[in-house]
Amino acid sequence: KPTQNIKGYQVWIATDNHNPFKVKFLPEDRPSLDSFTIGQEVTFEGLEALEFKNNIYFKATAINKKG
């Protein structure tokens, strides 16, 4: 059943050289993507990569427009 309990958010990121991947955010770090457009370069604050069972996962505290 659907609940109002949100455990996190995720943003899909694409690069020129790699397959798209997800960057996850905790509920208190909810990203606002209203001012972003597809193809725009971004930077992350607090970006971390975690390895679990030979898979790499990413999490961050904020996403910003580059420049």
Protein backbone atom coordinates (compact mmCIF):
# COMPACT_ATOMS: atom_id res chain seq x y z
CA LYS A 1 0.00 0.00 0.00
CA PRO A 2 1.22 3.52 -0.71
CA THR A 3 2.31 5.50 2.33
CA GLN A 4 3.43 9.06 3.03
CA ASN A 5 6.75 7.70 4.37
CA ILE A 6 9.40 8.85 1.88
CA LYS A 7 12.80 7.25 2.47
CA GLY A 8 14.73 9.21 -0.18
CA TYR A 9 14.88 10.70 -3.65
CA GLN A 10 16.92 9.82 -6.71
CA VAL A 11 18.05 11.71 -9.80
CA TRP A 12 19.18 10.01 -13.00
CA ILE A 13 22.41 11.44 -14.44
CA ALA A 14 23.76 10.89 -17.96
CA THR A 15 27.31 11.45 -19.21
CA ASP A 16 28.97 11.43 -22.62
CA ASN A 17 31.07 8.36 -21.78
CA HIS A 18 29.00 6.17 -19.43
CA ASN A 19 25.54 4.72 -19.03
CA PRO A 20 23.06 6.78 -16.99
CA PHE A 21 23.26 6.26 -13.24
CA LYS A 22 21.32 7.29 -10.12
CA VAL A 23 22.39 9.69 -7.41
CA LYS A 24 20.35 9.30 -4.23
CA PHE A 25 19.35 11.97 -1.71
CA LEU A 26 18.00 11.64 1.82
CA PRO A 27 14.51 13.09 2.45
CA GLU A 28 15.97 16.13 4.25
CA ASP A 29 18.17 16.80 1.17
CA ARG A 30 15.28 16.68 -1.32
CA PRO A 31 16.57 18.13 -4.62
CA SER A 32 14.52 20.77 -6.42
CA LEU A 33 14.87 20.23 -10.17
CA ASP A 34 12.46 22.96 -11.29
CA SER A 35 15.14 25.18 -12.84
CA PHE A 36 17.12 22.39 -14.56
CA THR A 37 16.87 21.43 -18.22
CA ILE A 38 17.88 18.22 -19.98
CA GLY A 39 21.50 18.34 -21.10
CA GLN A 40 22.53 20.92 -18.51
CA GLU A 41 25.81 20.30 -16.66
CA VAL A 42 25.54 19.88 -12.89
CA THR A 43 27.74 19.63 -9.81
CA PHE A 44 27.04 17.87 -6.53
CA GLU A 45 27.69 18.76 -2.92
CA GLY A 46 28.62 15.99 -0.52
CA LEU A 47 28.91 13.42 -3.32
CA GLU A 48 29.89 9.95 -2.10
CA ALA A 49 30.38 6.65 -3.92
CA LEU A 50 29.58 3.45 -2.04
CA GLU A 51 30.53 -0.06 -3.14
CA PHE A 52 28.19 -2.86 -2.13
CA LYS A 53 28.40 -6.39 -3.56
CA ASN A 54 30.48 -5.23 -6.56
CA ASN A 55 28.00 -2.43 -7.40
CA ILE A 56 28.69 1.29 -7.04
CA TYR A 57 26.00 3.56 -5.58
CA PHE A 58 26.11 7.36 -5.35
CA LYS A 59 24.59 9.72 -2.82
CA ALA A 60 24.80 13.49 -2.39
CA THR A 61 23.43 16.31 -0.25
CA ALA A 62 22.71 18.81 -3.07
CA ILE A 63 22.69 19.26 -6.84
CA ASN A 64 23.58 22.58 -8.50
CA LYS A 65 23.85 24.02 -12.00
CA LYS A 66 27.45 24.09 -13.18
CA GLY A 67 28.94 27.52 -13.71
